Every structure is written in structure tokens, then in C-alpha cells.
């Protein structure tokens, strides 16, 4: 899976990072490297939250973990 990190200049020397494909996933840092680490952590938390709140309608026929490289 490919995601696009958008980096903007924030206040007080911060960089603001946001995923273009998932705008709810955003964070801040002082360096681009730190921003990439932070955005990975925030994405993981976001996906965990989505998984926990997922309540499918109808009968589930299959649940399978997929790994995108």
C-alpha cells in the first residue's frame, strides 16, 4: 500500500505531516525523519481504532489478514 505524506511548515519550527489518502491521520515534529516515525505511529493507532469500531452488517463469511508490501 502506498500512502502520500504531505509536509507543511507549522508554527515555532514544527513541521506538520498529514496523509493525503487518510486526512484524519496527522502529526507534528521538528524533523522530516521524526515526522515519518510519528506518522507511522499515528497510522497504527488510527487503524487499531477503526478495527475496534468495525461492526459489519450481515453474516461474515471470511476474515483474513492481508499484508501489503
PDB file of N, CA and C in Angstrom:
ATOM      1  N   UNK A   1       0.852  -1.165   0.000  1.00  0.00           N
ATOM      2  CA  UNK A   1       0.000   0.000   0.000  1.00  0.00           C
ATOM      3  C   UNK A   1       0.902   1.233   0.000  1.00  0.00           C
ATOM      4  N   UNK A   2       0.590   2.190  -0.822  1.00  0.00           N
ATOM      5  CA  UNK A   2       1.335   3.442  -0.857  1.00  0.00           C
ATOM      6  C   UNK A   2       0.473   4.556  -0.288  1.00  0.00           C
ATOM      7  N   UNK A   3       1.058   5.333   0.594  1.00  0.00           N
ATOM      8  CA  UNK A   3       0.382   6.494   1.154  1.00  0.00           C
ATOM      9  C   UNK A   3       1.273   7.704   0.932  1.00  0.00           C
ATOM     10  N   UNK A   4       0.658   8.865   0.782  1.00  0.00           N
ATOM     11  CA  UNK A   4       1.378  10.096   0.494  1.00  0.00           C
ATOM     12  C   UNK A   4       1.427  10.975   1.727  1.00  0.00           C
ATOM     13  N   UNK A   5       2.648  11.298   2.170  1.00  0.00           N
ATOM     14  CA  UNK A   5       2.834  12.193   3.311  1.00  0.00           C
ATOM     15  C   UNK A   5       2.959  13.620   2.801  1.00  0.00           C
ATOM     16  N   UNK A   6       2.078  14.475   3.247  1.00  0.00           N
ATOM     17  CA  UNK A   6       2.120  15.902   2.930  1.00  0.00           C
ATOM     18  C   UNK A   6       2.770  16.601   4.123  1.00  0.00           C
ATOM     19  N   UNK A   7       3.798  17.412   3.859  1.00  0.00           N
ATOM     20  CA  UNK A   7       4.502  18.118   4.929  1.00  0.00           C
ATOM     21  C   UNK A   7       4.324  19.614   4.725  1.00  0.00           C
ATOM     22  N   UNK A   8       3.890  20.290   5.786  1.00  0.00           N
ATOM     23  CA  UNK A   8       3.712  21.740   5.759  1.00  0.00           C
ATOM     24  C   UNK A   8       4.499  22.360   6.905  1.00  0.00           C
ATOM     25  N   UNK A   9       4.854  23.594   6.738  1.00  0.00           N
ATOM     26  CA  UNK A   9       5.548  24.331   7.789  1.00  0.00           C
ATOM     27  C   UNK A   9       4.532  24.784   8.827  1.00  0.00           C
ATOM     28  N   UNK A  10       4.809  24.476  10.090  1.00  0.00           N
ATOM     29  CA  UNK A  10       3.929  24.889  11.174  1.00  0.00           C
ATOM     30  C   UNK A  10       4.533  26.051  11.939  1.00  0.00           C
ATOM     31  N   UNK A  11       3.998  26.301  13.114  1.00  0.00           N
ATOM     32  CA  UNK A  11       4.491  27.385  13.962  1.00  0.00           C
ATOM     33  C   UNK A  11       5.615  26.890  14.855  1.00  0.00           C
ATOM     34  N   UNK A  12       6.456  27.803  15.299  1.00  0.00           N
ATOM     35  CA  UNK A  12       7.521  27.530  16.271  1.00  0.00           C
ATOM     36  C   UNK A  12       8.484  26.437  15.810  1.00  0.00           C
ATOM     37  N   UNK A  13       8.735  26.364  14.508  1.00  0.00           N
ATOM     38  CA  UNK A  13       9.700  25.409  13.988  1.00  0.00           C
ATOM     39  C   UNK A  13       9.179  24.011  13.743  1.00  0.00           C
ATOM     40  N   UNK A  14       7.912  23.785  14.001  1.00  0.00           N
ATOM     41  CA  UNK A  14       7.331  22.468  13.783  1.00  0.00           C
ATOM     42  C   UNK A  14       7.037  22.237  12.307  1.00  0.00           C
ATOM     43  N   UNK A  15       7.092  20.962  11.914  1.00  0.00           N
ATOM     44  CA  UNK A  15       6.592  20.506  10.630  1.00  0.00           C
ATOM     45  C   UNK A  15       5.294  19.763  10.905  1.00  0.00           C
ATOM     46  N   UNK A  16       4.314  19.946  10.063  1.00  0.00           N
ATOM     47  CA  UNK A  16       3.033  19.268  10.197  1.00  0.00           C
ATOM     48  C   UNK A  16       2.941  18.239   9.077  1.00  0.00           C
ATOM     49  N   UNK A  17       2.662  17.000   9.430  1.00  0.00           N
ATOM     50  CA  UNK A  17       2.527  15.940   8.439  1.00  0.00           C
ATOM     51  C   UNK A  17       1.130  15.372   8.448  1.00  0.00           C
ATOM     52  N   UNK A  18       0.608  15.086   7.257  1.00  0.00           N
ATOM     53  CA  UNK A  18      -0.740  14.543   7.109  1.00  0.00           C
ATOM     54  C   UNK A  18      -0.733  13.567   5.943  1.00  0.00           C
ATOM     55  N   UNK A  19      -1.471  12.465   6.072  1.00  0.00           N
ATOM     56  CA  UNK A  19      -1.581  11.523   4.972  1.00  0.00           C
ATOM     57  C   UNK A  19      -2.665  11.985   4.014  1.00  0.00           C
ATOM     58  N   UNK A  20      -2.297  12.122   2.754  1.00  0.00           N
ATOM     59  CA  UNK A  20      -3.223  12.610   1.731  1.00  0.00           C
ATOM     60  C   UNK A  20      -4.439  11.681   1.603  1.00  0.00           C
ATOM     61  N   UNK A  21      -4.203  10.391   1.650  1.00  0.00           N
ATOM     62  CA  UNK A  21      -5.284   9.418   1.471  1.00  0.00           C
ATOM     63  C   UNK A  21      -6.136   9.243   2.722  1.00  0.00           C
ATOM     64  N   UNK A  22      -5.601   9.605   3.885  1.00  0.00           N
ATOM     65  CA  UNK A  22      -6.313   9.489   5.165  1.00  0.00           C
ATOM     66  C   UNK A  22      -6.108  10.786   5.936  1.00  0.00           C
ATOM     67  N   UNK A  23      -6.841  11.831   5.605  1.00  0.00           N
ATOM     68  CA  UNK A  23      -6.616  13.148   6.206  1.00  0.00           C
ATOM     69  C   UNK A  23      -6.754  13.189   7.727  1.00  0.00           C
ATOM     70  N   UNK A  24      -7.432  12.219   8.305  1.00  0.00           N
ATOM     71  CA  UNK A  24      -7.568  12.189   9.766  1.00  0.00           C
ATOM     72  C   UNK A  24      -6.265  11.779  10.440  1.00  0.00           C
ATOM     73  N   UNK A  25      -5.299  11.301   9.670  1.00  0.00           N
ATOM     74  CA  UNK A  25      -4.006  10.872  10.210  1.00  0.00           C
ATOM     75  C   UNK A  25      -3.013  12.003  10.008  1.00  0.00           C
ATOM     76  N   UNK A  26      -2.665  12.683  11.113  1.00  0.00           N
ATOM     77  CA  UNK A  26      -1.726  13.801  11.048  1.00  0.00           C
ATOM     78  C   UNK A  26      -0.951  13.906  12.353  1.00  0.00           C
ATOM     79  N   UNK A  27       0.200  14.571  12.292  1.00  0.00           N
ATOM     80  CA  UNK A  27       1.048  14.740  13.462  1.00  0.00           C
ATOM     81  C   UNK A  27       2.014  15.889  13.217  1.00  0.00           C
ATOM     82  N   UNK A  28       2.912  16.110  14.167  1.00  0.00           N
ATOM     83  CA  UNK A  28       3.906  17.172  14.021  1.00  0.00           C
ATOM     84  C   UNK A  28       5.249  16.703  14.567  1.00  0.00           C
ATOM     85  N   UNK A  29       6.324  17.360  14.129  1.00  0.00           N
ATOM     86  CA  UNK A  29       7.683  17.055  14.587  1.00  0.00           C
ATOM     87  C   UNK A  29       8.598  18.186  14.149  1.00  0.00           C
ATOM     88  N   UNK A  30       9.847  18.121  14.596  1.00  0.00           N
ATOM     89  CA  UNK A  30      10.826  19.134  14.212  1.00  0.00           C
ATOM     90  C   UNK A  30      11.624  18.749  12.968  1.00  0.00           C
ATOM     91  N   UNK A  31      11.729  17.436  12.679  1.00  0.00           N
ATOM     92  CA  UNK A  31      12.472  16.989  11.501  1.00  0.00           C
ATOM     93  C   UNK A  31      11.591  16.071  10.657  1.00  0.00           C
ATOM     94  N   UNK A  32      11.963  15.911   9.390  1.00  0.00           N
ATOM     95  CA  UNK A  32      11.202  15.037   8.496  1.00  0.00           C
ATOM     96  C   UNK A  32      11.304  13.589   8.958  1.00  0.00           C
ATOM     97  N   UNK A  33      12.472  13.162   9.407  1.00  0.00           N
ATOM     98  CA  UNK A  33      12.641  11.787   9.882  1.00  0.00           C
ATOM     99  C   UNK A  33      11.742  11.504  11.088  1.00  0.00           C
ATOM    100  N   UNK A  34      11.726  12.432  12.043  1.00  0.00           N
ATOM    101  CA  UNK A  34      10.867  12.286  13.217  1.00  0.00           C
ATOM    102  C   UNK A  34       9.399  12.304  12.795  1.00  0.00           C
ATOM    103  N   UNK A  35       9.071  13.125  11.818  1.00  0.00           N
ATOM    104  CA  UNK A  35       7.699  13.212  11.316  1.00  0.00           C
ATOM    105  C   UNK A  35       7.262  11.880  10.714  1.00  0.00           C
ATOM    106  N   UNK A  36       8.148  11.232   9.956  1.00  0.00           N
ATOM    107  CA  UNK A  36       7.834   9.924   9.358  1.00  0.00           C
ATOM    108  C   UNK A  36       7.596   8.873  10.440  1.00  0.00           C
ATOM    109  N   UNK A  37       8.413   8.895  11.491  1.00  0.00           N
ATOM    110  CA  UNK A  37       8.218   7.957  12.599  1.00  0.00           C
ATOM    111  C   UNK A  37       6.886   8.216  13.290  1.00  0.00           C
ATOM    112  N   UNK A  38       6.603   9.489  13.544  1.00  0.00           N
ATOM    113  CA  UNK A  38       5.350   9.850  14.223  1.00  0.00           C
ATOM    114  C   UNK A  38       4.133   9.477  13.393  1.00  0.00           C
ATOM    115  N   UNK A  39       4.199   9.717  12.072  1.00  0.00           N
ATOM    116  CA  UNK A  39       3.029   9.442  11.227  1.00  0.00           C
ATOM    117  C   UNK A  39       2.771   7.936  11.178  1.00  0.00           C
ATOM    118  N   UNK A  40       3.829   7.122  11.209  1.00  0.00           N
ATOM    119  CA  UNK A  40       3.660   5.671  11.249  1.00  0.00           C
ATOM    120  C   UNK A  40       2.960   5.245  12.540  1.00  0.00           C
ATOM    121  N   UNK A  41       3.344   5.858  13.659  1.00  0.00           N
ATOM    122  CA  UNK A  41       2.698   5.549  14.942  1.00  0.00           C
ATOM    123  C   UNK A  41       1.230   5.959  14.935  1.00  0.00           C
ATOM    124  N   UNK A  42       0.957   7.146  14.413  1.00  0.00           N
ATOM    125  CA  UNK A  42      -0.426   7.642  14.375  1.00  0.00           C
ATOM    126  C   UNK A  42      -1.276   6.781  13.447  1.00  0.00           C
ATOM    127  N   UNK A  43      -0.712   6.354  12.320  1.00  0.00           N
ATOM    128  CA  UNK A  43      -1.445   5.483  11.397  1.00  0.00           C
ATOM    129  C   UNK A  43      -1.792   4.169  12.077  1.00  0.00           C
ATOM    130  N   UNK A  44      -0.859   3.608  12.819  1.00  0.00           N
ATOM    131  CA  UNK A  44      -1.125   2.361  13.535  1.00  0.00           C
ATOM    132  C   UNK A  44      -2.263   2.538  14.544  1.00  0.00           C
ATOM    133  N   UNK A  45      -2.237   3.627  15.300  1.00  0.00           N
ATOM    134  CA  UNK A  45      -3.313   3.894  16.266  1.00  0.00           C
ATOM    135  C   UNK A  45      -4.649   4.101  15.559  1.00  0.00           C
ATOM    136  N   UNK A  46      -4.632   4.821  14.445  1.00  0.00           N
ATOM    137  CA  UNK A  46      -5.854   5.076  13.670  1.00  0.00           C
ATOM    138  C   UNK A  46      -6.458   3.754  13.193  1.00  0.00           C
ATOM    139  N   UNK A  47      -5.624   2.871  12.640  1.00  0.00           N
ATOM    140  CA  UNK A  47      -6.128   1.598  12.130  1.00  0.00           C
ATOM    141  C   UNK A  47      -6.633   0.699  13.257  1.00  0.00           C
ATOM    142  N   UNK A  48      -5.976   0.729  14.403  1.00  0.00           N
ATOM    143  CA  UNK A  48      -6.461  -0.038  15.557  1.00  0.00           C
ATOM    144  C   UNK A  48      -7.845   0.447  15.966  1.00  0.00           C
ATOM    145  N   UNK A  49      -8.045   1.758  15.978  1.00  0.00           N
ATOM    146  CA  UNK A  49      -9.327   2.338  16.342  1.00  0.00           C
ATOM    147  C   UNK A  49     -10.412   1.938  15.337  1.00  0.00           C
ATOM    148  N   UNK A  50     -10.073   1.967  14.067  1.00  0.00           N
ATOM    149  CA  UNK A  50     -11.032   1.574  13.025  1.00  0.00           C
ATOM    150  C   UNK A  50     -11.418   0.106  13.203  1.00  0.00           C
ATOM    151  N   UNK A  51     -10.412  -0.750  13.459  1.00  0.00           N
ATOM    152  CA  UNK A  51     -10.692  -2.185  13.645  1.00  0.00           C
ATOM    153  C   UNK A  51     -11.616  -2.419  14.839  1.00  0.00           C
ATOM    154  N   UNK A  52     -11.351  -1.725  15.941  1.00  0.00           N
ATOM    155  CA  UNK A  52     -12.155  -1.915  17.150  1.00  0.00           C
ATOM    156  C   UNK A  52     -13.594  -1.455  16.965  1.00  0.00           C
ATOM    157  N   UNK A  53     -13.798  -0.427  16.158  1.00  0.00           N
ATOM    158  CA  UNK A  53     -15.152   0.114  15.996  1.00  0.00           C
ATOM    159  C   UNK A  53     -15.907  -0.523  14.829  1.00  0.00           C
ATOM    160  N   UNK A  54     -15.259  -1.431  14.082  1.00  0.00           N
ATOM    161  CA  UNK A  54     -15.894  -2.046  12.923  1.00  0.00           C
ATOM    162  C   UNK A  54     -16.950  -3.040  13.362  1.00  0.00           C
ATOM    163  N   UNK A  55     -18.162  -2.831  12.929  1.00  0.00           N
ATOM    164  CA  UNK A  55     -19.287  -3.710  13.240  1.00  0.00           C
ATOM    165  C   UNK A  55     -20.017  -4.019  11.923  1.00  0.00           C
ATOM    166  N   UNK A  56     -19.611  -5.117  11.255  1.00  0.00           N
ATOM    167  CA  UNK A  56     -20.199  -5.408   9.944  1.00  0.00           C
ATOM    168  C   UNK A  56     -21.665  -5.809  10.038  1.00  0.00           C
ATOM    169  N   UNK A  57     -22.417  -5.427   9.023  1.00  0.00           N
ATOM    170  CA  UNK A  57     -23.803  -5.866   8.899  1.00  0.00           C
ATOM    171  C   UNK A  57     -23.819  -7.194   8.156  1.00  0.00           C
ATOM    172  N   UNK A  58     -24.765  -8.027   8.469  1.00  0.00           N
ATOM    173  CA  UNK A  58     -24.893  -9.293   7.760  1.00  0.00           C
ATOM    174  C   UNK A  58     -23.969 -10.364   8.305  1.00  0.00           C
ATOM    175  N   UNK A  59     -24.050 -11.530   7.684  1.00  0.00           N
ATOM    176  CA  UNK A  59     -23.263 -12.686   8.115  1.00  0.00           C
ATOM    177  C   UNK A  59     -21.855 -12.609   7.540  1.00  0.00           C
ATOM    178  N   UNK A  60     -20.854 -12.712   8.411  1.00  0.00           N
ATOM    179  CA  UNK A  60     -19.470 -12.677   7.957  1.00  0.00           C
ATOM    180  C   UNK A  60     -19.105 -14.036   7.386  1.00  0.00           C
ATOM    181  N   UNK A  61     -18.599 -14.045   6.172  1.00  0.00           N
ATOM    182  CA  UNK A  61     -18.220 -15.287   5.521  1.00  0.00           C
ATOM    183  C   UNK A  61     -16.733 -15.590   5.655  1.00  0.00           C
ATOM    184  N   UNK A  62     -15.916 -14.546   5.783  1.00  0.00           N
ATOM    185  CA  UNK A  62     -14.480 -14.735   5.828  1.00  0.00           C
ATOM    186  C   UNK A  62     -13.822 -13.563   6.512  1.00  0.00           C
ATOM    187  N   UNK A  63     -12.808 -13.845   7.297  1.00  0.00           N
ATOM    188  CA  UNK A  63     -11.951 -12.804   7.846  1.00  0.00           C
ATOM    189  C   UNK A  63     -10.527 -13.249   7.624  1.00  0.00           C
ATOM    190  N   UNK A  64      -9.768 -12.483   6.867  1.00  0.00           N
ATOM    191  CA  UNK A  64      -8.416 -12.863   6.508  1.00  0.00           C
ATOM    192  C   UNK A  64      -7.498 -11.646   6.595  1.00  0.00           C
ATOM    193  N   UNK A  65      -6.331 -11.833   7.205  1.00  0.00           N
ATOM    194  CA  UNK A  65      -5.363 -10.748   7.313  1.00  0.00           C
ATOM    195  C   UNK A  65      -4.583 -10.634   6.009  1.00  0.00           C
ATOM    196  N   UNK A  66      -4.489  -9.425   5.492  1.00  0.00           N
ATOM    197  CA  UNK A  66      -3.726  -9.160   4.276  1.00  0.00           C
ATOM    198  C   UNK A  66      -2.555  -8.258   4.628  1.00  0.00           C
ATOM    199  N   UNK A  67      -1.417  -8.519   4.025  1.00  0.00           N
ATOM    200  CA  UNK A  67      -0.237  -7.697   4.246  1.00  0.00           C
ATOM    201  C   UNK A  67       0.147  -7.090   2.911  1.00  0.00           C
ATOM    202  N   UNK A  68       0.191  -5.768   2.868  1.00  0.00           N
ATOM    203  CA  UNK A  68       0.570  -5.051   1.667  1.00  0.00           C
ATOM    204  C   UNK A  68       2.019  -4.613   1.793  1.00  0.00           C
ATOM    205  N   UNK A  69       2.823  -5.003   0.873  1.00  0.00           N
ATOM    206  CA  UNK A  69       4.246  -4.652   0.930  1.00  0.00           C
ATOM    207  C   UNK A  69       4.540  -3.419   0.118  1.00  0.00           C
TER     208      UNK A  69
END
